[in-house]
Amino acid sequence: MRIAALYDIHGNLPALEAALDAIARADVDALVVGGDVVAGPMPTETLACLRALPLPVHFIRGNADREVAERLAGIPAG
């Protein structure tokens, strides 16, 4: 089984798309995303891109992801 890993995407969709092109050429079976996906310029599009992939994607929540989730849940920062 071939597994690719990406970290610290920070909502950078163009960079993610470039990395995914390389991953597609490597013919991997699964992707691990090691946190900090959504804090950045294109969070919605970045997450949608990852969720639409035709392979299993496993997420590890990063500190920036936790902070975004807490804000969405109404938990004050700090």
PDB file of N, CA and C in Angstrom:
ATOM      1  N   MET A   1       0.847  -1.173   0.000  1.00  0.00           N
ATOM      2  CA  MET A   1       0.000   0.000   0.000  1.00  0.00           C
ATOM      3  C   MET A   1       0.894   1.239   0.000  1.00  0.00           C
ATOM      4  N   ARG A   2       0.584   2.173  -0.886  1.00  0.00           N
ATOM      5  CA  ARG A   2       1.328   3.436  -0.964  1.00  0.00           C
ATOM      6  C   ARG A   2       0.479   4.537  -0.324  1.00  0.00           C
ATOM      7  N   ILE A   3       1.080   5.250   0.626  1.00  0.00           N
ATOM      8  CA  ILE A   3       0.384   6.311   1.353  1.00  0.00           C
ATOM      9  C   ILE A   3       1.147   7.609   1.175  1.00  0.00           C
ATOM     10  N   ALA A   4       0.419   8.653   0.794  1.00  0.00           N
ATOM     11  CA  ALA A   4       1.006   9.994   0.697  1.00  0.00           C
ATOM     12  C   ALA A   4       0.617  10.775   1.949  1.00  0.00           C
ATOM     13  N   ALA A   5       1.444  11.750   2.321  1.00  0.00           N
ATOM     14  CA  ALA A   5       1.156  12.585   3.484  1.00  0.00           C
ATOM     15  C   ALA A   5       1.368  14.047   3.123  1.00  0.00           C
ATOM     16  N   LEU A   6       0.428  14.882   3.524  1.00  0.00           N
ATOM     17  CA  LEU A   6       0.517  16.329   3.339  1.00  0.00           C
ATOM     18  C   LEU A   6       0.312  17.003   4.691  1.00  0.00           C
ATOM     19  N   TYR A   7       1.026  18.086   4.891  1.00  0.00           N
ATOM     20  CA  TYR A   7       0.926  18.823   6.151  1.00  0.00           C
ATOM     21  C   TYR A   7       0.867  20.313   5.873  1.00  0.00           C
ATOM     22  N   ASP A   8       0.236  21.051   6.789  1.00  0.00           N
ATOM     23  CA  ASP A   8       0.256  22.518   6.772  1.00  0.00           C
ATOM     24  C   ASP A   8      -0.193  23.100   5.438  1.00  0.00           C
ATOM     25  N   ILE A   9      -1.370  22.712   4.987  1.00  0.00           N
ATOM     26  CA  ILE A   9      -1.914  23.219   3.729  1.00  0.00           C
ATOM     27  C   ILE A   9      -2.356  24.669   3.887  1.00  0.00           C
ATOM     28  N   HIS A  10      -2.908  25.020   5.020  1.00  0.00           N
ATOM     29  CA  HIS A  10      -3.303  26.391   5.364  1.00  0.00           C
ATOM     30  C   HIS A  10      -4.147  27.057   4.284  1.00  0.00           C
ATOM     31  N   GLY A  11      -5.127  26.334   3.743  1.00  0.00           N
ATOM     32  CA  GLY A  11      -6.060  26.919   2.788  1.00  0.00           C
ATOM     33  C   GLY A  11      -5.433  27.364   1.485  1.00  0.00           C
ATOM     34  N   ASN A  12      -4.273  26.866   1.151  1.00  0.00           N
ATOM     35  CA  ASN A  12      -3.576  27.260  -0.080  1.00  0.00           C
ATOM     36  C   ASN A  12      -3.956  26.279  -1.188  1.00  0.00           C
ATOM     37  N   LEU A  13      -5.094  26.540  -1.819  1.00  0.00           N
ATOM     38  CA  LEU A  13      -5.625  25.628  -2.831  1.00  0.00           C
ATOM     39  C   LEU A  13      -4.687  25.428  -4.017  1.00  0.00           C
ATOM     40  N   PRO A  14      -4.077  26.473  -4.587  1.00  0.00           N
ATOM     41  CA  PRO A  14      -3.171  26.226  -5.725  1.00  0.00           C
ATOM     42  C   PRO A  14      -2.003  25.300  -5.372  1.00  0.00           C
ATOM     43  N   ALA A  15      -1.432  25.466  -4.202  1.00  0.00           N
ATOM     44  CA  ALA A  15      -0.335  24.581  -3.792  1.00  0.00           C
ATOM     45  C   ALA A  15      -0.849  23.167  -3.557  1.00  0.00           C
ATOM     46  N   LEU A  16      -2.035  23.044  -2.972  1.00  0.00           N
ATOM     47  CA  LEU A  16      -2.626  21.727  -2.766  1.00  0.00           C
ATOM     48  C   LEU A  16      -2.851  21.024  -4.100  1.00  0.00           C
ATOM     49  N   GLU A  17      -3.396  21.740  -5.063  1.00  0.00           N
ATOM     50  CA  GLU A  17      -3.647  21.138  -6.377  1.00  0.00           C
ATOM     51  C   GLU A  17      -2.354  20.657  -7.027  1.00  0.00           C
ATOM     52  N   ALA A  18      -1.285  21.418  -6.885  1.00  0.00           N
ATOM     53  CA  ALA A  18       0.007  20.984  -7.432  1.00  0.00           C
ATOM     54  C   ALA A  18       0.498  19.721  -6.731  1.00  0.00           C
ATOM     55  N   ALA A  19       0.353  19.676  -5.411  1.00  0.00           N
ATOM     56  CA  ALA A  19       0.763  18.485  -4.665  1.00  0.00           C
ATOM     57  C   ALA A  19      -0.094  17.283  -5.047  1.00  0.00           C
ATOM     58  N   LEU A  20      -1.382  17.503  -5.234  1.00  0.00           N
ATOM     59  CA  LEU A  20      -2.269  16.402  -5.612  1.00  0.00           C
ATOM     60  C   LEU A  20      -1.962  15.871  -7.006  1.00  0.00           C
ATOM     61  N   ASP A  21      -1.510  16.732  -7.898  1.00  0.00           N
ATOM     62  CA  ASP A  21      -1.075  16.262  -9.224  1.00  0.00           C
ATOM     63  C   ASP A  21       0.091  15.287  -9.081  1.00  0.00           C
ATOM     64  N   ALA A  22       1.043  15.625  -8.248  1.00  0.00           N
ATOM     65  CA  ALA A  22       2.192  14.736  -8.016  1.00  0.00           C
ATOM     66  C   ALA A  22       1.747  13.439  -7.349  1.00  0.00           C
ATOM     67  N   ILE A  23       0.820  13.540  -6.425  1.00  0.00           N
ATOM     68  CA  ILE A  23       0.307  12.348  -5.750  1.00  0.00           C
ATOM     69  C   ILE A  23      -0.415  11.439  -6.735  1.00  0.00           C
ATOM     70  N   ALA A  24      -1.187  12.021  -7.643  1.00  0.00           N
ATOM     71  CA  ALA A  24      -1.899  11.217  -8.648  1.00  0.00           C
ATOM     72  C   ALA A  24      -0.913  10.456  -9.533  1.00  0.00           C
ATOM     73  N   ARG A  25       0.180  11.088  -9.885  1.00  0.00           N
ATOM     74  CA  ARG A  25       1.199  10.421 -10.709  1.00  0.00           C
ATOM     75  C   ARG A  25       1.912   9.303  -9.939  1.00  0.00           C
ATOM     76  N   ALA A  26       1.934   9.414  -8.625  1.00  0.00           N
ATOM     77  CA  ALA A  26       2.604   8.402  -7.800  1.00  0.00           C
ATOM     78  C   ALA A  26       1.713   7.190  -7.530  1.00  0.00           C
ATOM     79  N   ASP A  27       0.458   7.262  -7.945  1.00  0.00           N
ATOM     80  CA  ASP A  27      -0.467   6.143  -7.816  1.00  0.00           C
ATOM     81  C   ASP A  27      -0.560   5.644  -6.377  1.00  0.00           C
ATOM     82  N   VAL A  28      -0.921   6.558  -5.470  1.00  0.00           N
ATOM     83  CA  VAL A  28      -1.040   6.186  -4.062  1.00  0.00           C
ATOM     84  C   VAL A  28      -2.418   5.608  -3.763  1.00  0.00           C
ATOM     85  N   ASP A  29      -2.501   4.883  -2.656  1.00  0.00           N
ATOM     86  CA  ASP A  29      -3.741   4.233  -2.248  1.00  0.00           C
ATOM     87  C   ASP A  29      -4.522   5.027  -1.206  1.00  0.00           C
ATOM     88  N   ALA A  30      -3.850   5.908  -0.494  1.00  0.00           N
ATOM     89  CA  ALA A  30      -4.502   6.690   0.559  1.00  0.00           C
ATOM     90  C   ALA A  30      -3.678   7.948   0.826  1.00  0.00           C
ATOM     91  N   LEU A  31      -4.342   8.917   1.454  1.00  0.00           N
ATOM     92  CA  LEU A  31      -3.695  10.185   1.784  1.00  0.00           C
ATOM     93  C   LEU A  31      -3.918  10.479   3.258  1.00  0.00           C
ATOM     94  N   VAL A  32      -2.855  10.887   3.949  1.00  0.00           N
ATOM     95  CA  VAL A  32      -2.948  11.368   5.324  1.00  0.00           C
ATOM     96  C   VAL A  32      -2.683  12.864   5.286  1.00  0.00           C
ATOM     97  N   VAL A  33      -3.601  13.630   5.858  1.00  0.00           N
ATOM     98  CA  VAL A  33      -3.452  15.077   5.930  1.00  0.00           C
ATOM     99  C   VAL A  33      -3.202  15.425   7.386  1.00  0.00           C
ATOM    100  N   GLY A  34      -1.984  15.890   7.650  1.00  0.00           N
ATOM    101  CA  GLY A  34      -1.537  16.091   9.025  1.00  0.00           C
ATOM    102  C   GLY A  34      -1.773  17.472   9.572  1.00  0.00           C
ATOM    103  N   GLY A  35      -2.961  17.957   9.471  1.00  0.00           N
ATOM    104  CA  GLY A  35      -3.337  19.170  10.178  1.00  0.00           C
ATOM    105  C   GLY A  35      -3.105  20.472   9.450  1.00  0.00           C
ATOM    106  N   ASP A  36      -3.726  21.489  10.027  1.00  0.00           N
ATOM    107  CA  ASP A  36      -3.678  22.866   9.530  1.00  0.00           C
ATOM    108  C   ASP A  36      -4.127  22.958   8.076  1.00  0.00           C
ATOM    109  N   VAL A  37      -5.350  22.516   7.850  1.00  0.00           N
ATOM    110  CA  VAL A  37      -5.942  22.514   6.512  1.00  0.00           C
ATOM    111  C   VAL A  37      -6.649  23.821   6.214  1.00  0.00           C
ATOM    112  N   VAL A  38      -7.500  24.291   7.129  1.00  0.00           N
ATOM    113  CA  VAL A  38      -8.455  25.336   6.781  1.00  0.00           C
ATOM    114  C   VAL A  38      -8.054  26.764   7.118  1.00  0.00           C
ATOM    115  N   ALA A  39      -7.117  26.979   7.972  1.00  0.00           N
ATOM    116  CA  ALA A  39      -6.745  28.354   8.308  1.00  0.00           C
ATOM    117  C   ALA A  39      -5.890  28.917   7.185  1.00  0.00           C
ATOM    118  N   GLY A  40      -6.487  29.775   6.353  1.00  0.00           N
ATOM    119  CA  GLY A  40      -5.771  30.345   5.220  1.00  0.00           C
ATOM    120  C   GLY A  40      -6.726  30.994   4.242  1.00  0.00           C
ATOM    121  N   PRO A  41      -6.259  31.326   3.048  1.00  0.00           N
ATOM    122  CA  PRO A  41      -7.040  32.136   2.122  1.00  0.00           C
ATOM    123  C   PRO A  41      -8.234  31.441   1.461  1.00  0.00           C
ATOM    124  N   MET A  42      -8.218  30.108   1.297  1.00  0.00           N
ATOM    125  CA  MET A  42      -9.296  29.415   0.592  1.00  0.00           C
ATOM    126  C   MET A  42      -9.726  28.156   1.368  1.00  0.00           C
ATOM    127  N   PRO A  43     -10.214  28.325   2.597  1.00  0.00           N
ATOM    128  CA  PRO A  43     -10.486  27.162   3.440  1.00  0.00           C
ATOM    129  C   PRO A  43     -11.596  26.253   2.908  1.00  0.00           C
ATOM    130  N   THR A  44     -12.690  26.828   2.460  1.00  0.00           N
ATOM    131  CA  THR A  44     -13.823  26.022   1.986  1.00  0.00           C
ATOM    132  C   THR A  44     -13.444  25.224   0.754  1.00  0.00           C
ATOM    133  N   GLU A  45     -12.798  25.882  -0.191  1.00  0.00           N
ATOM    134  CA  GLU A  45     -12.401  25.223  -1.434  1.00  0.00           C
ATOM    135  C   GLU A  45     -11.355  24.136  -1.183  1.00  0.00           C
ATOM    136  N   THR A  46     -10.454  24.403  -0.260  1.00  0.00           N
ATOM    137  CA  THR A  46      -9.408  23.433   0.066  1.00  0.00           C
ATOM    138  C   THR A  46     -10.000  22.167   0.668  1.00  0.00           C
ATOM    139  N   LEU A  47     -10.890  22.329   1.627  1.00  0.00           N
ATOM    140  CA  LEU A  47     -11.517  21.173   2.251  1.00  0.00           C
ATOM    141  C   LEU A  47     -12.378  20.409   1.241  1.00  0.00           C
ATOM    142  N   ALA A  48     -13.110  21.133   0.394  1.00  0.00           N
ATOM    143  CA  ALA A  48     -13.938  20.476  -0.625  1.00  0.00           C
ATOM    144  C   ALA A  48     -13.075  19.668  -1.594  1.00  0.00           C
ATOM    145  N   CYS A  49     -11.945  20.196  -1.959  1.00  0.00           N
ATOM    146  CA  CYS A  49     -11.022  19.496  -2.859  1.00  0.00           C
ATOM    147  C   CYS A  49     -10.550  18.189  -2.242  1.00  0.00           C
ATOM    148  N   LEU A  50     -10.174  18.230  -0.977  1.00  0.00           N
ATOM    149  CA  LEU A  50      -9.704  17.023  -0.299  1.00  0.00           C
ATOM    150  C   LEU A  50     -10.824  15.997  -0.139  1.00  0.00           C
ATOM    151  N   ARG A  51     -12.017  16.469   0.179  1.00  0.00           N
ATOM    152  CA  ARG A  51     -13.140  15.544   0.385  1.00  0.00           C
ATOM    153  C   ARG A  51     -13.605  14.910  -0.915  1.00  0.00           C
ATOM    154  N   ALA A  52     -13.315  15.533  -2.049  1.00  0.00           N
ATOM    155  CA  ALA A  52     -13.752  15.015  -3.347  1.00  0.00           C
ATOM    156  C   ALA A  52     -12.764  14.016  -3.958  1.00  0.00           C
ATOM    157  N   LEU A  53     -11.652  13.790  -3.311  1.00  0.00           N
ATOM    158  CA  LEU A  53     -10.642  12.885  -3.878  1.00  0.00           C
ATOM    159  C   LEU A  53     -11.173  11.452  -3.979  1.00  0.00           C
ATOM    160  N   PRO A  54     -10.760  10.732  -5.012  1.00  0.00           N
ATOM    161  CA  PRO A  54     -11.243   9.369  -5.203  1.00  0.00           C
ATOM    162  C   PRO A  54     -10.426   8.312  -4.448  1.00  0.00           C
ATOM    163  N   LEU A  55      -9.875   8.692  -3.307  1.00  0.00           N
ATOM    164  CA  LEU A  55      -9.122   7.755  -2.485  1.00  0.00           C
ATOM    165  C   LEU A  55      -9.379   8.102  -1.032  1.00  0.00           C
ATOM    166  N   PRO A  56      -9.132   7.171  -0.122  1.00  0.00           N
ATOM    167  CA  PRO A  56      -9.348   7.465   1.293  1.00  0.00           C
ATOM    168  C   PRO A  56      -8.424   8.594   1.765  1.00  0.00           C
ATOM    169  N   VAL A  57      -9.009   9.552   2.476  1.00  0.00           N
ATOM    170  CA  VAL A  57      -8.255  10.665   3.049  1.00  0.00           C
ATOM    171  C   VAL A  57      -8.474  10.633   4.560  1.00  0.00           C
ATOM    172  N   HIS A  58      -7.387  10.596   5.314  1.00  0.00           N
ATOM    173  CA  HIS A  58      -7.441  10.537   6.772  1.00  0.00           C
ATOM    174  C   HIS A  58      -6.864  11.842   7.312  1.00  0.00           C
ATOM    175  N   PHE A  59      -7.628  12.501   8.178  1.00  0.00           N
ATOM    176  CA  PHE A  59      -7.236  13.802   8.704  1.00  0.00           C
ATOM    177  C   PHE A  59      -6.739  13.696  10.141  1.00  0.00           C
ATOM    178  N   ILE A  60      -5.693  14.441  10.441  1.00  0.00           N
ATOM    179  CA  ILE A  60      -5.225  14.665  11.798  1.00  0.00           C
ATOM    180  C   ILE A  60      -5.408  16.158  12.051  1.00  0.00           C
ATOM    181  N   ARG A  61      -6.165  16.508  13.062  1.00  0.00           N
ATOM    182  CA  ARG A  61      -6.455  17.916  13.307  1.00  0.00           C
ATOM    183  C   ARG A  61      -5.217  18.642  13.823  1.00  0.00           C
ATOM    184  N   GLY A  62      -4.906  19.778  13.202  1.00  0.00           N
ATOM    185  CA  GLY A  62      -3.785  20.602  13.639  1.00  0.00           C
ATOM    186  C   GLY A  62      -4.252  21.700  14.577  1.00  0.00           C
ATOM    187  N   ASN A  63      -3.313  22.437  15.130  1.00  0.00           N
ATOM    188  CA  ASN A  63      -3.673  23.492  16.077  1.00  0.00           C
ATOM    189  C   ASN A  63      -4.530  24.569  15.424  1.00  0.00           C
ATOM    190  N   ALA A  64      -4.244  24.944  14.182  1.00  0.00           N
ATOM    191  CA  ALA A  64      -5.054  25.964  13.506  1.00  0.00           C
ATOM    192  C   ALA A  64      -6.459  25.435  13.230  1.00  0.00           C
ATOM    193  N   ASP A  65      -6.582  24.162  12.895  1.00  0.00           N
ATOM    194  CA  ASP A  65      -7.899  23.564  12.670  1.00  0.00           C
ATOM    195  C   ASP A  65      -8.718  23.569  13.961  1.00  0.00           C
ATOM    196  N   ARG A  66      -8.060  23.252  15.073  1.00  0.00           N
ATOM    197  CA  ARG A  66      -8.733  23.262  16.375  1.00  0.00           C
ATOM    198  C   ARG A  66      -9.253  24.656  16.698  1.00  0.00           C
ATOM    199  N   GLU A  67      -8.436  25.681  16.436  1.00  0.00           N
ATOM    200  CA  GLU A  67      -8.835  27.053  16.726  1.00  0.00           C
ATOM    201  C   GLU A  67     -10.031  27.470  15.878  1.00  0.00           C
ATOM    202  N   VAL A  68     -10.047  27.096  14.611  1.00  0.00           N
ATOM    203  CA  VAL A  68     -11.181  27.414  13.736  1.00  0.00           C
ATOM    204  C   VAL A  68     -12.432  26.702  14.242  1.00  0.00           C
ATOM    205  N   ALA A  69     -12.312  25.429  14.580  1.00  0.00           N
ATOM    206  CA  ALA A  69     -13.466  24.665  15.082  1.00  0.00           C
ATOM    207  C   ALA A  69     -14.001  25.273  16.378  1.00  0.00           C
ATOM    208  N   GLU A  70     -13.121  25.710  17.248  1.00  0.00           N
ATOM    209  CA  GLU A  70     -13.551  26.323  18.505  1.00  0.00           C
ATOM    210  C   GLU A  70     -14.289  27.632  18.239  1.00  0.00           C
ATOM    211  N   ARG A  71     -13.797  28.448  17.316  1.00  0.00           N
ATOM    212  CA  ARG A  71     -14.476  29.699  16.984  1.00  0.00           C
ATOM    213  C   ARG A  71     -15.860  29.419  16.423  1.00  0.00           C
ATOM    214  N   LEU A  72     -15.962  28.415  15.548  1.00  0.00           N
ATOM    215  CA  LEU A  72     -17.259  28.068  14.968  1.00  0.00           C
ATOM    216  C   LEU A  72     -18.227  27.562  16.034  1.00  0.00           C
ATOM    217  N   ALA A  73     -17.704  26.948  17.082  1.00  0.00           N
ATOM    218  CA  ALA A  73     -18.533  26.437  18.171  1.00  0.00           C
ATOM    219  C   ALA A  73     -18.839  27.507  19.219  1.00  0.00           C
ATOM    220  N   GLY A  74     -18.301  28.716  19.026  1.00  0.00           N
ATOM    221  CA  GLY A  74     -18.555  29.809  19.952  1.00  0.00           C
ATOM    222  C   GLY A  74     -17.650  29.833  21.164  1.00  0.00           C
ATOM    223  N   ILE A  75     -16.565  29.090  21.121  1.00  0.00           N
ATOM    224  CA  ILE A  75     -15.609  29.080  22.237  1.00  0.00           C
ATOM    225  C   ILE A  75     -14.640  30.243  22.043  1.00  0.00           C
ATOM    226  N   PRO A  76     -14.521  31.127  23.018  1.00  0.00           N
ATOM    227  CA  PRO A  76     -13.633  32.283  22.856  1.00  0.00           C
ATOM    228  C   PRO A  76     -12.168  31.875  22.689  1.00  0.00           C
ATOM    229  N   ALA A  77     -11.453  32.651  21.897  1.00  0.00           N
ATOM    230  CA  ALA A  77     -10.025  32.399  21.671  1.00  0.00           C
ATOM    231  C   ALA A  77      -9.249  32.669  22.953  1.00  0.00           C
ATOM    232  N   GLY A  78      -8.141  31.935  23.096  1.00  0.00           N
ATOM    233  CA  GLY A  78      -7.256  32.216  24.210  1.00  0.00           C
ATOM    234  C   GLY A  78      -7.201  31.109  25.144  1.00  0.00           C
TER     235      GLY A  78
END
